[in-house]
């Protein structure tokens, strides 16, 4: 797998030729981050892709958000399974965090995602 790298703001990196691209496990991590940050109905050519943050960052909806995060993670190319999953939600600040151990075709890694 090869994918263009992103900076801390999630924007594509340009200007360094081949060094702007990630390979294998690092590429998979960038792809996963990008897919998890995509809001459902936000991309005109893939309206059913992404996470329904608009409806699921509310009281009593954490299980639905967890299920969406798991679905997108497991549907990411190269992901084999999710060995562990824990999440927290801070409703006053509308911050969601998920920590998971993911097995991929490149090996396993701990992944912390915040939205």
PDB file of N, CA and C in Angstrom:
ATOM      1  N   UNK A   1       0.841  -1.175   0.000  1.00  0.00           N
ATOM      2  CA  UNK A   1       0.000   0.000   0.000  1.00  0.00           C
ATOM      3  C   UNK A   1       0.885   1.236   0.000  1.00  0.00           C
ATOM      4  N   UNK A   2       0.516   2.205  -0.809  1.00  0.00           N
ATOM      5  CA  UNK A   2       1.208   3.497  -0.863  1.00  0.00           C
ATOM      6  C   UNK A   2       0.134   4.581  -0.819  1.00  0.00           C
ATOM      7  N   UNK A   3       0.339   5.579   0.030  1.00  0.00           N
ATOM      8  CA  UNK A   3      -0.629   6.667   0.161  1.00  0.00           C
ATOM      9  C   UNK A   3       0.111   7.953   0.496  1.00  0.00           C
ATOM     10  N   UNK A   4      -0.442   9.076   0.034  1.00  0.00           N
ATOM     11  CA  UNK A   4       0.167  10.386   0.330  1.00  0.00           C
ATOM     12  C   UNK A   4       0.051  10.657   1.823  1.00  0.00           C
ATOM     13  N   UNK A   5       1.119  11.150   2.416  1.00  0.00           N
ATOM     14  CA  UNK A   5       1.147  11.450   3.840  1.00  0.00           C
ATOM     15  C   UNK A   5       0.330  12.702   4.138  1.00  0.00           C
ATOM     16  N   UNK A   6      -0.063  12.845   5.408  1.00  0.00           N
ATOM     17  CA  UNK A   6      -0.795  14.028   5.857  1.00  0.00           C
ATOM     18  C   UNK A   6      -0.032  14.687   7.000  1.00  0.00           C
ATOM     19  N   UNK A   7      -0.292  15.980   7.189  1.00  0.00           N
ATOM     20  CA  UNK A   7       0.342  16.694   8.299  1.00  0.00           C
ATOM     21  C   UNK A   7      -0.558  16.611   9.534  1.00  0.00           C
ATOM     22  N   UNK A   8      -0.212  17.325  10.588  1.00  0.00           N
ATOM     23  CA  UNK A   8      -0.959  17.260  11.843  1.00  0.00           C
ATOM     24  C   UNK A   8      -2.381  17.801  11.710  1.00  0.00           C
ATOM     25  N   UNK A   9      -2.631  18.607  10.671  1.00  0.00           N
ATOM     26  CA  UNK A   9      -3.967  19.142  10.430  1.00  0.00           C
ATOM     27  C   UNK A   9      -4.798  18.252   9.513  1.00  0.00           C
ATOM     28  N   UNK A  10      -4.208  17.150   9.033  1.00  0.00           N
ATOM     29  CA  UNK A  10      -4.920  16.258   8.135  1.00  0.00           C
ATOM     30  C   UNK A  10      -4.830  16.645   6.677  1.00  0.00           C
ATOM     31  N   UNK A  11      -3.986  17.626   6.354  1.00  0.00           N
ATOM     32  CA  UNK A  11      -3.814  18.069   4.969  1.00  0.00           C
ATOM     33  C   UNK A  11      -2.700  17.276   4.296  1.00  0.00           C
ATOM     34  N   UNK A  12      -2.861  17.037   2.990  1.00  0.00           N
ATOM     35  CA  UNK A  12      -1.833  16.320   2.246  1.00  0.00           C
ATOM     36  C   UNK A  12      -0.519  17.091   2.248  1.00  0.00           C
ATOM     37  N   UNK A  13       0.572  16.358   2.257  1.00  0.00           N
ATOM     38  CA  UNK A  13       1.911  16.942   2.233  1.00  0.00           C
ATOM     39  C   UNK A  13       2.425  16.921   0.799  1.00  0.00           C
ATOM     40  N   UNK A  14       2.968  18.047   0.356  1.00  0.00           N
ATOM     41  CA  UNK A  14       3.526  18.186  -0.994  1.00  0.00           C
ATOM     42  C   UNK A  14       4.931  18.765  -0.918  1.00  0.00           C
ATOM     43  N   UNK A  15       5.682  18.626  -2.014  1.00  0.00           N
ATOM     44  CA  UNK A  15       6.949  19.326  -2.162  1.00  0.00           C
ATOM     45  C   UNK A  15       8.197  18.496  -1.962  1.00  0.00           C
ATOM     46  N   UNK A  16       8.061  17.226  -1.574  1.00  0.00           N
ATOM     47  CA  UNK A  16       9.245  16.401  -1.325  1.00  0.00           C
ATOM     48  C   UNK A  16       9.261  15.153  -2.200  1.00  0.00           C
ATOM     49  N   UNK A  17       8.522  15.175  -3.299  1.00  0.00           N
ATOM     50  CA  UNK A  17       8.521  14.054  -4.226  1.00  0.00           C
ATOM     51  C   UNK A  17       8.057  12.764  -3.586  1.00  0.00           C
ATOM     52  N   UNK A  18       8.842  11.708  -3.750  1.00  0.00           N
ATOM     53  CA  UNK A  18       8.486  10.390  -3.215  1.00  0.00           C
ATOM     54  C   UNK A  18       8.444  10.360  -1.697  1.00  0.00           C
ATOM     55  N   UNK A  19       9.113  11.301  -1.046  1.00  0.00           N
ATOM     56  CA  UNK A  19       9.101  11.355   0.418  1.00  0.00           C
ATOM     57  C   UNK A  19       7.752  11.805   0.973  1.00  0.00           C
ATOM     58  N   UNK A  20       6.864  12.288   0.092  1.00  0.00           N
ATOM     59  CA  UNK A  20       5.532  12.695   0.521  1.00  0.00           C
ATOM     60  C   UNK A  20       4.596  11.508   0.656  1.00  0.00           C
ATOM     61  N   UNK A  21       5.064  10.314   0.361  1.00  0.00           N
ATOM     62  CA  UNK A  21       4.220   9.124   0.377  1.00  0.00           C
ATOM     63  C   UNK A  21       4.645   8.167   1.481  1.00  0.00           C
ATOM     64  N   UNK A  22       3.652   7.491   2.046  1.00  0.00           N
ATOM     65  CA  UNK A  22       3.902   6.490   3.075  1.00  0.00           C
ATOM     66  C   UNK A  22       3.655   5.115   2.465  1.00  0.00           C
ATOM     67  N   UNK A  23       4.314   4.110   3.019  1.00  0.00           N
ATOM     68  CA  UNK A  23       4.173   2.746   2.526  1.00  0.00           C
ATOM     69  C   UNK A  23       3.771   1.798   3.657  1.00  0.00           C
ATOM     70  N   UNK A  24       3.152   0.703   3.286  1.00  0.00           N
ATOM     71  CA  UNK A  24       2.845  -0.421   4.164  1.00  0.00           C
ATOM     72  C   UNK A  24       2.095   0.009   5.426  1.00  0.00           C
ATOM     73  N   UNK A  25       2.619  -0.318   6.613  1.00  0.00           N
ATOM     74  CA  UNK A  25       1.898  -0.059   7.855  1.00  0.00           C
ATOM     75  C   UNK A  25       1.647   1.437   8.059  1.00  0.00           C
ATOM     76  N   UNK A  26       2.624   2.280   7.760  1.00  0.00           N
ATOM     77  CA  UNK A  26       2.426   3.722   7.928  1.00  0.00           C
ATOM     78  C   UNK A  26       1.353   4.242   6.974  1.00  0.00           C
ATOM     79  N   UNK A  27       1.301   3.705   5.768  1.00  0.00           N
ATOM     80  CA  UNK A  27       0.260   4.087   4.816  1.00  0.00           C
ATOM     81  C   UNK A  27      -1.112   3.659   5.325  1.00  0.00           C
ATOM     82  N   UNK A  28      -1.190   2.476   5.889  1.00  0.00           N
ATOM     83  CA  UNK A  28      -2.452   1.984   6.424  1.00  0.00           C
ATOM     84  C   UNK A  28      -2.931   2.882   7.570  1.00  0.00           C
ATOM     85  N   UNK A  29      -2.013   3.312   8.425  1.00  0.00           N
ATOM     86  CA  UNK A  29      -2.381   4.203   9.530  1.00  0.00           C
ATOM     87  C   UNK A  29      -2.933   5.532   9.014  1.00  0.00           C
ATOM     88  N   UNK A  30      -2.292   6.099   7.994  1.00  0.00           N
ATOM     89  CA  UNK A  30      -2.766   7.361   7.407  1.00  0.00           C
ATOM     90  C   UNK A  30      -4.142   7.159   6.782  1.00  0.00           C
ATOM     91  N   UNK A  31      -4.332   6.049   6.070  1.00  0.00           N
ATOM     92  CA  UNK A  31      -5.625   5.745   5.460  1.00  0.00           C
ATOM     93  C   UNK A  31      -6.701   5.613   6.534  1.00  0.00           C
ATOM     94  N   UNK A  32      -6.396   4.934   7.612  1.00  0.00           N
ATOM     95  CA  UNK A  32      -7.352   4.740   8.698  1.00  0.00           C
ATOM     96  C   UNK A  32      -7.731   6.073   9.350  1.00  0.00           C
ATOM     97  N   UNK A  33      -6.753   6.901   9.632  1.00  0.00           N
ATOM     98  CA  UNK A  33      -7.018   8.221  10.214  1.00  0.00           C
ATOM     99  C   UNK A  33      -7.940   9.031   9.302  1.00  0.00           C
ATOM    100  N   UNK A  34      -7.624   9.032   8.007  1.00  0.00           N
ATOM    101  CA  UNK A  34      -8.424   9.786   7.040  1.00  0.00           C
ATOM    102  C   UNK A  34      -9.854   9.268   6.983  1.00  0.00           C
ATOM    103  N   UNK A  35     -10.007   7.954   6.964  1.00  0.00           N
ATOM    104  CA  UNK A  35     -11.354   7.363   6.899  1.00  0.00           C
ATOM    105  C   UNK A  35     -12.157   7.639   8.170  1.00  0.00           C
ATOM    106  N   UNK A  36     -11.506   7.608   9.333  1.00  0.00           N
ATOM    107  CA  UNK A  36     -12.218   7.844  10.590  1.00  0.00           C
ATOM    108  C   UNK A  36     -12.586   9.315  10.786  1.00  0.00           C
ATOM    109  N   UNK A  37     -11.881  10.207  10.135  1.00  0.00           N
ATOM    110  CA  UNK A  37     -12.204  11.631  10.245  1.00  0.00           C
ATOM    111  C   UNK A  37     -13.245  12.075   9.223  1.00  0.00           C
ATOM    112  N   UNK A  38     -13.614  11.197   8.313  1.00  0.00           N
ATOM    113  CA  UNK A  38     -14.605  11.537   7.303  1.00  0.00           C
ATOM    114  C   UNK A  38     -16.004  11.502   7.901  1.00  0.00           C
ATOM    115  N   UNK A  39     -16.741  12.582   7.749  1.00  0.00           N
ATOM    116  CA  UNK A  39     -18.110  12.661   8.245  1.00  0.00           C
ATOM    117  C   UNK A  39     -19.048  12.036   7.219  1.00  0.00           C
ATOM    118  N   UNK A  40     -20.010  11.284   7.692  1.00  0.00           N
ATOM    119  CA  UNK A  40     -21.010  10.678   6.809  1.00  0.00           C
ATOM    120  C   UNK A  40     -21.771  11.781   6.071  1.00  0.00           C
ATOM    121  N   UNK A  41     -22.073  11.553   4.815  1.00  0.00           N
ATOM    122  CA  UNK A  41     -22.794  12.469   3.919  1.00  0.00           C
ATOM    123  C   UNK A  41     -21.967  13.689   3.526  1.00  0.00           C
ATOM    124  N   UNK A  42     -20.662  13.709   3.837  1.00  0.00           N
ATOM    125  CA  UNK A  42     -19.822  14.868   3.555  1.00  0.00           C
ATOM    126  C   UNK A  42     -19.135  14.786   2.194  1.00  0.00           C
ATOM    127  N   UNK A  43     -18.982  13.602   1.652  1.00  0.00           N
ATOM    128  CA  UNK A  43     -18.272  13.413   0.390  1.00  0.00           C
ATOM    129  C   UNK A  43     -19.286  13.066  -0.693  1.00  0.00           C
ATOM    130  N   UNK A  44     -19.396  13.908  -1.705  1.00  0.00           N
ATOM    131  CA  UNK A  44     -20.459  13.756  -2.696  1.00  0.00           C
ATOM    132  C   UNK A  44     -20.420  12.433  -3.453  1.00  0.00           C
ATOM    133  N   UNK A  45     -19.243  11.822  -3.597  1.00  0.00           N
ATOM    134  CA  UNK A  45     -19.170  10.567  -4.347  1.00  0.00           C
ATOM    135  C   UNK A  45     -19.176   9.342  -3.438  1.00  0.00           C
ATOM    136  N   UNK A  46     -19.251   9.555  -2.128  1.00  0.00           N
ATOM    137  CA  UNK A  46     -19.299   8.438  -1.181  1.00  0.00           C
ATOM    138  C   UNK A  46     -20.119   8.850   0.044  1.00  0.00           C
ATOM    139  N   UNK A  47     -21.390   9.177  -0.160  1.00  0.00           N
ATOM    140  CA  UNK A  47     -22.214   9.726   0.921  1.00  0.00           C
ATOM    141  C   UNK A  47     -22.452   8.742   2.062  1.00  0.00           C
ATOM    142  N   UNK A  48     -22.386   7.443   1.800  1.00  0.00           N
ATOM    143  CA  UNK A  48     -22.607   6.453   2.848  1.00  0.00           C
ATOM    144  C   UNK A  48     -21.334   6.084   3.607  1.00  0.00           C
ATOM    145  N   UNK A  49     -20.200   6.622   3.195  1.00  0.00           N
ATOM    146  CA  UNK A  49     -18.931   6.348   3.871  1.00  0.00           C
ATOM    147  C   UNK A  49     -18.779   7.305   5.043  1.00  0.00           C
ATOM    148  N   UNK A  50     -17.931   6.961   5.977  1.00  0.00           N
ATOM    149  CA  UNK A  50     -17.619   7.852   7.079  1.00  0.00           C
ATOM    150  C   UNK A  50     -18.432   7.587   8.334  1.00  0.00           C
ATOM    151  N   UNK A  51     -18.263   8.473   9.288  1.00  0.00           N
ATOM    152  CA  UNK A  51     -18.855   8.346  10.614  1.00  0.00           C
ATOM    153  C   UNK A  51     -19.966   9.387  10.764  1.00  0.00           C
ATOM    154  N   UNK A  52     -21.056   9.005  11.387  1.00  0.00           N
ATOM    155  CA  UNK A  52     -22.187   9.905  11.586  1.00  0.00           C
ATOM    156  C   UNK A  52     -21.995  10.720  12.869  1.00  0.00           C
ATOM    157  N   UNK A  53     -20.942  11.547  12.881  1.00  0.00           N
ATOM    158  CA  UNK A  53     -20.636  12.337  14.069  1.00  0.00           C
ATOM    159  C   UNK A  53     -21.767  13.296  14.431  1.00  0.00           C
ATOM    160  N   UNK A  54     -22.442  13.844  13.448  1.00  0.00           N
ATOM    161  CA  UNK A  54     -23.492  14.827  13.702  1.00  0.00           C
ATOM    162  C   UNK A  54     -24.578  14.260  14.623  1.00  0.00           C
ATOM    163  N   UNK A  55     -24.946  13.010  14.428  1.00  0.00           N
ATOM    164  CA  UNK A  55     -26.017  12.409  15.221  1.00  0.00           C
ATOM    165  C   UNK A  55     -25.525  11.592  16.410  1.00  0.00           C
ATOM    166  N   UNK A  56     -24.248  11.204  16.410  1.00  0.00           N
ATOM    167  CA  UNK A  56     -23.776  10.275  17.433  1.00  0.00           C
ATOM    168  C   UNK A  56     -22.909  10.908  18.516  1.00  0.00           C
ATOM    169  N   UNK A  57     -22.619  12.198  18.447  1.00  0.00           N
ATOM    170  CA  UNK A  57     -21.900  12.863  19.535  1.00  0.00           C
ATOM    171  C   UNK A  57     -22.915  13.513  20.467  1.00  0.00           C
ATOM    172  N   UNK A  58     -23.693  12.673  21.126  1.00  0.00           N
ATOM    173  CA  UNK A  58     -24.756  13.149  22.003  1.00  0.00           C
ATOM    174  C   UNK A  58     -24.956  12.139  23.132  1.00  0.00           C
ATOM    175  N   UNK A  59     -25.762  12.465  24.075  1.00  0.00           N
ATOM    176  CA  UNK A  59     -26.033  11.573  25.200  1.00  0.00           C
ATOM    177  C   UNK A  59     -26.757  10.310  24.720  1.00  0.00           C
ATOM    178  N   UNK A  60     -26.323   9.161  25.227  1.00  0.00           N
ATOM    179  CA  UNK A  60     -26.980   7.910  24.916  1.00  0.00           C
ATOM    180  C   UNK A  60     -26.665   7.332  23.538  1.00  0.00           C
ATOM    181  N   UNK A  61     -25.680   7.888  22.860  1.00  0.00           N
ATOM    182  CA  UNK A  61     -25.397   7.428  21.491  1.00  0.00           C
ATOM    183  C   UNK A  61     -23.996   6.843  21.333  1.00  0.00           C
ATOM    184  N   UNK A  62     -23.256   6.713  22.429  1.00  0.00           N
ATOM    185  CA  UNK A  62     -21.878   6.235  22.330  1.00  0.00           C
ATOM    186  C   UNK A  62     -21.793   4.859  21.677  1.00  0.00           C
ATOM    187  N   UNK A  63     -22.729   3.978  21.952  1.00  0.00           N
ATOM    188  CA  UNK A  63     -22.695   2.637  21.368  1.00  0.00           C
ATOM    189  C   UNK A  63     -22.799   2.702  19.840  1.00  0.00           C
ATOM    190  N   UNK A  64     -23.592   3.647  19.332  1.00  0.00           N
ATOM    191  CA  UNK A  64     -23.729   3.799  17.886  1.00  0.00           C
ATOM    192  C   UNK A  64     -22.437   4.344  17.273  1.00  0.00           C
ATOM    193  N   UNK A  65     -21.823   5.302  17.973  1.00  0.00           N
ATOM    194  CA  UNK A  65     -20.548   5.849  17.512  1.00  0.00           C
ATOM    195  C   UNK A  65     -19.470   4.776  17.546  1.00  0.00           C
ATOM    196  N   UNK A  66     -19.432   3.989  18.617  1.00  0.00           N
ATOM    197  CA  UNK A  66     -18.485   2.874  18.707  1.00  0.00           C
ATOM    198  C   UNK A  66     -18.656   1.916  17.530  1.00  0.00           C
ATOM    199  N   UNK A  67     -19.900   1.577  17.225  1.00  0.00           N
ATOM    200  CA  UNK A  67     -20.164   0.654  16.125  1.00  0.00           C
ATOM    201  C   UNK A  67     -19.726   1.229  14.784  1.00  0.00           C
ATOM    202  N   UNK A  68     -19.935   2.530  14.575  1.00  0.00           N
ATOM    203  CA  UNK A  68     -19.484   3.169  13.335  1.00  0.00           C
ATOM    204  C   UNK A  68     -17.955   3.159  13.243  1.00  0.00           C
ATOM    205  N   UNK A  69     -17.284   3.471  14.350  1.00  0.00           N
ATOM    206  CA  UNK A  69     -15.812   3.469  14.375  1.00  0.00           C
ATOM    207  C   UNK A  69     -15.294   2.067  14.073  1.00  0.00           C
ATOM    208  N   UNK A  70     -15.880   1.061  14.692  1.00  0.00           N
ATOM    209  CA  UNK A  70     -15.462  -0.324  14.436  1.00  0.00           C
ATOM    210  C   UNK A  70     -15.709  -0.718  12.983  1.00  0.00           C
ATOM    211  N   UNK A  71     -16.866  -0.347  12.445  1.00  0.00           N
ATOM    212  CA  UNK A  71     -17.210  -0.695  11.061  1.00  0.00           C
ATOM    213  C   UNK A  71     -16.204  -0.112  10.078  1.00  0.00           C
ATOM    214  N   UNK A  72     -15.930   1.182  10.214  1.00  0.00           N
ATOM    215  CA  UNK A  72     -14.997   1.834   9.291  1.00  0.00           C
ATOM    216  C   UNK A  72     -13.597   1.262   9.447  1.00  0.00           C
ATOM    217  N   UNK A  73     -13.185   1.008  10.686  1.00  0.00           N
ATOM    218  CA  UNK A  73     -11.858   0.432  10.926  1.00  0.00           C
ATOM    219  C   UNK A  73     -11.735  -0.935  10.266  1.00  0.00           C
ATOM    220  N   UNK A  74     -12.706  -1.791  10.483  1.00  0.00           N
ATOM    221  CA  UNK A  74     -12.633  -3.148   9.949  1.00  0.00           C
ATOM    222  C   UNK A  74     -12.807  -3.199   8.436  1.00  0.00           C
ATOM    223  N   UNK A  75     -13.403  -2.181   7.838  1.00  0.00           N
ATOM    224  CA  UNK A  75     -13.566  -2.130   6.389  1.00  0.00           C
ATOM    225  C   UNK A  75     -12.382  -1.486   5.680  1.00  0.00           C
ATOM    226  N   UNK A  76     -11.388  -1.031   6.444  1.00  0.00           N
ATOM    227  CA  UNK A  76     -10.208  -0.409   5.858  1.00  0.00           C
ATOM    228  C   UNK A  76      -9.318  -1.490   5.243  1.00  0.00           C
ATOM    229  N   UNK A  77      -8.889  -1.264   4.004  1.00  0.00           N
ATOM    230  CA  UNK A  77      -8.021  -2.229   3.317  1.00  0.00           C
ATOM    231  C   UNK A  77      -6.783  -2.522   4.151  1.00  0.00           C
ATOM    232  N   UNK A  78      -6.486  -3.791   4.353  1.00  0.00           N
ATOM    233  CA  UNK A  78      -5.306  -4.207   5.093  1.00  0.00           C
ATOM    234  C   UNK A  78      -5.568  -4.545   6.547  1.00  0.00           C
ATOM    235  N   UNK A  79      -6.720  -4.137   7.085  1.00  0.00           N
ATOM    236  CA  UNK A  79      -7.064  -4.460   8.480  1.00  0.00           C
ATOM    237  C   UNK A  79      -7.652  -5.866   8.517  1.00  0.00           C
ATOM    238  N   UNK A  80      -7.099  -6.708   9.380  1.00  0.00           N
ATOM    239  CA  UNK A  80      -7.576  -8.080   9.522  1.00  0.00           C
ATOM    240  C   UNK A  80      -8.603  -8.223  10.637  1.00  0.00           C
ATOM    241  N   UNK A  81      -8.296  -7.621  11.790  1.00  0.00           N
ATOM    242  CA  UNK A  81      -9.211  -7.718  12.924  1.00  0.00           C
ATOM    243  C   UNK A  81      -8.852  -6.638  13.961  1.00  0.00           C
ATOM    244  N   UNK A  82      -9.770  -6.478  14.888  1.00  0.00           N
ATOM    245  CA  UNK A  82      -9.568  -5.570  16.013  1.00  0.00           C
ATOM    246  C   UNK A  82      -9.531  -6.433  17.268  1.00  0.00           C
ATOM    247  N   UNK A  83      -8.386  -6.460  17.949  1.00  0.00           N
ATOM    248  CA  UNK A  83      -8.236  -7.320  19.117  1.00  0.00           C
ATOM    249  C   UNK A  83      -8.803  -6.705  20.388  1.00  0.00           C
ATOM    250  N   UNK A  84      -8.657  -5.403  20.564  1.00  0.00           N
ATOM    251  CA  UNK A  84      -9.226  -4.718  21.721  1.00  0.00           C
ATOM    252  C   UNK A  84      -9.841  -3.406  21.271  1.00  0.00           C
ATOM    253  N   UNK A  85     -10.808  -2.924  22.061  1.00  0.00           N
ATOM    254  CA  UNK A  85     -11.468  -1.648  21.752  1.00  0.00           C
ATOM    255  C   UNK A  85     -12.014  -1.061  23.040  1.00  0.00           C
ATOM    256  N   UNK A  86     -11.655   0.183  23.320  1.00  0.00           N
ATOM    257  CA  UNK A  86     -12.191   0.936  24.447  1.00  0.00           C
ATOM    258  C   UNK A  86     -12.424   2.358  23.990  1.00  0.00           C
ATOM    259  N   UNK A  87     -13.517   2.954  24.463  1.00  0.00           N
ATOM    260  CA  UNK A  87     -13.790   4.332  24.056  1.00  0.00           C
ATOM    261  C   UNK A  87     -14.303   5.146  25.235  1.00  0.00           C
ATOM    262  N   UNK A  88     -14.126   6.452  25.119  1.00  0.00           N
ATOM    263  CA  UNK A  88     -14.671   7.404  26.083  1.00  0.00           C
ATOM    264  C   UNK A  88     -15.258   8.569  25.301  1.00  0.00           C
ATOM    265  N   UNK A  89     -16.241   9.195  25.913  1.00  0.00           N
ATOM    266  CA  UNK A  89     -16.834  10.377  25.282  1.00  0.00           C
ATOM    267  C   UNK A  89     -17.021  11.447  26.349  1.00  0.00           C
ATOM    268  N   UNK A  90     -16.606  12.656  26.025  1.00  0.00           N
ATOM    269  CA  UNK A  90     -16.762  13.813  26.900  1.00  0.00           C
ATOM    270  C   UNK A  90     -17.828  14.691  26.259  1.00  0.00           C
ATOM    271  N   UNK A  91     -19.058  14.568  26.740  1.00  0.00           N
ATOM    272  CA  UNK A  91     -20.183  15.222  26.073  1.00  0.00           C
ATOM    273  C   UNK A  91     -20.131  16.740  26.138  1.00  0.00           C
ATOM    274  N   UNK A  92     -19.682  17.297  27.261  1.00  0.00           N
ATOM    275  CA  UNK A  92     -19.633  18.750  27.371  1.00  0.00           C
ATOM    276  C   UNK A  92     -18.694  19.361  26.336  1.00  0.00           C
ATOM    277  N   UNK A  93     -17.592  18.693  26.078  1.00  0.00           N
ATOM    278  CA  UNK A  93     -16.599  19.173  25.103  1.00  0.00           C
ATOM    279  C   UNK A  93     -16.809  18.554  23.724  1.00  0.00           C
ATOM    280  N   UNK A  94     -17.719  17.560  23.639  1.00  0.00           N
ATOM    281  CA  UNK A  94     -17.987  16.814  22.405  1.00  0.00           C
ATOM    282  C   UNK A  94     -16.697  16.209  21.846  1.00  0.00           C
ATOM    283  N   UNK A  95     -15.978  15.504  22.730  1.00  0.00           N
ATOM    284  CA  UNK A  95     -14.731  14.830  22.354  1.00  0.00           C
ATOM    285  C   UNK A  95     -14.921  13.332  22.533  1.00  0.00           C
ATOM    286  N   UNK A  96     -14.542  12.606  21.521  1.00  0.00           N
ATOM    287  CA  UNK A  96     -14.636  11.150  21.531  1.00  0.00           C
ATOM    288  C   UNK A  96     -13.236  10.588  21.346  1.00  0.00           C
ATOM    289  N   UNK A  97     -12.891   9.575  22.133  1.00  0.00           N
ATOM    290  CA  UNK A  97     -11.605   8.895  21.981  1.00  0.00           C
ATOM    291  C   UNK A  97     -11.832   7.392  21.945  1.00  0.00           C
ATOM    292  N   UNK A  98     -11.114   6.741  21.056  1.00  0.00           N
ATOM    293  CA  UNK A  98     -11.164   5.286  20.969  1.00  0.00           C
ATOM    294  C   UNK A  98      -9.735   4.769  20.937  1.00  0.00           C
ATOM    295  N   UNK A  99      -9.485   3.763  21.755  1.00  0.00           N
ATOM    296  CA  UNK A  99      -8.176   3.110  21.782  1.00  0.00           C
ATOM    297  C   UNK A  99      -8.397   1.660  21.374  1.00  0.00           C
ATOM    298  N   UNK A 100      -7.616   1.218  20.395  1.00  0.00           N
ATOM    299  CA  UNK A 100      -7.797  -0.136  19.888  1.00  0.00           C
ATOM    300  C   UNK A 100      -6.473  -0.759  19.512  1.00  0.00           C
ATOM    301  N   UNK A 101      -6.437  -2.072  19.566  1.00  0.00           N
ATOM    302  CA  UNK A 101      -5.303  -2.827  19.071  1.00  0.00           C
ATOM    303  C   UNK A 101      -5.770  -3.473  17.784  1.00  0.00           C
ATOM    304  N   UNK A 102      -5.075  -3.160  16.689  1.00  0.00           N
ATOM    305  CA  UNK A 102      -5.506  -3.583  15.362  1.00  0.00           C
ATOM    306  C   UNK A 102      -4.469  -4.512  14.755  1.00  0.00           C
ATOM    307  N   UNK A 103      -4.927  -5.654  14.244  1.00  0.00           N
ATOM    308  CA  UNK A 103      -4.061  -6.580  13.502  1.00  0.00           C
ATOM    309  C   UNK A 103      -4.249  -6.301  12.016  1.00  0.00           C
ATOM    310  N   UNK A 104      -3.128  -6.131  11.306  1.00  0.00           N
ATOM    311  CA  UNK A 104      -3.172  -5.818   9.880  1.00  0.00           C
ATOM    312  C   UNK A 104      -2.295  -6.803   9.112  1.00  0.00           C
ATOM    313  N   UNK A 105      -2.297  -6.682   7.816  1.00  0.00           N
ATOM    314  CA  UNK A 105      -1.432  -7.529   6.982  1.00  0.00           C
ATOM    315  C   UNK A 105       0.032  -7.171   7.177  1.00  0.00           C
ATOM    316  N   UNK A 106       0.307  -6.027   7.825  1.00  0.00           N
ATOM    317  CA  UNK A 106       1.683  -5.584   8.081  1.00  0.00           C
ATOM    318  C   UNK A 106       2.118  -5.808   9.519  1.00  0.00           C
ATOM    319  N   UNK A 107       1.234  -6.269  10.369  1.00  0.00           N
ATOM    320  CA  UNK A 107       1.526  -6.462  11.786  1.00  0.00           C
ATOM    321  C   UNK A 107       0.483  -5.763  12.640  1.00  0.00           C
ATOM    322  N   UNK A 108       0.607  -5.884  13.953  1.00  0.00           N
ATOM    323  CA  UNK A 108      -0.347  -5.287  14.888  1.00  0.00           C
ATOM    324  C   UNK A 108       0.193  -3.971  15.428  1.00  0.00           C
ATOM    325  N   UNK A 109      -0.728  -3.101  15.837  1.00  0.00           N
ATOM    326  CA  UNK A 109      -0.321  -1.846  16.457  1.00  0.00           C
ATOM    327  C   UNK A 109      -1.434  -1.305  17.331  1.00  0.00           C
ATOM    328  N   UNK A 110      -1.049  -0.499  18.328  1.00  0.00           N
ATOM    329  CA  UNK A 110      -1.993   0.216  19.179  1.00  0.00           C
ATOM    330  C   UNK A 110      -2.371   1.509  18.464  1.00  0.00           C
ATOM    331  N   UNK A 111      -3.650   1.827  18.478  1.00  0.00           N
ATOM    332  CA  UNK A 111      -4.140   2.991  17.754  1.00  0.00           C
ATOM    333  C   UNK A 111      -5.031   3.803  18.670  1.00  0.00           C
ATOM    334  N   UNK A 112      -4.731   5.081  18.825  1.00  0.00           N
ATOM    335  CA  UNK A 112      -5.555   6.000  19.609  1.00  0.00           C
ATOM    336  C   UNK A 112      -6.138   7.012  18.646  1.00  0.00           C
ATOM    337  N   UNK A 113      -7.454   7.082  18.620  1.00  0.00           N
ATOM    338  CA  UNK A 113      -8.141   8.010  17.722  1.00  0.00           C
ATOM    339  C   UNK A 113      -8.977   8.966  18.553  1.00  0.00           C
ATOM    340  N   UNK A 114      -8.904  10.249  18.224  1.00  0.00           N
ATOM    341  CA  UNK A 114      -9.705  11.265  18.913  1.00  0.00           C
ATOM    342  C   UNK A 114     -10.447  12.096  17.881  1.00  0.00           C
ATOM    343  N   UNK A 115     -11.690  12.357  18.182  1.00  0.00           N
ATOM    344  CA  UNK A 115     -12.511  13.201  17.281  1.00  0.00           C
ATOM    345  C   UNK A 115     -13.274  14.210  18.118  1.00  0.00           C
TER     346      UNK A 115
END
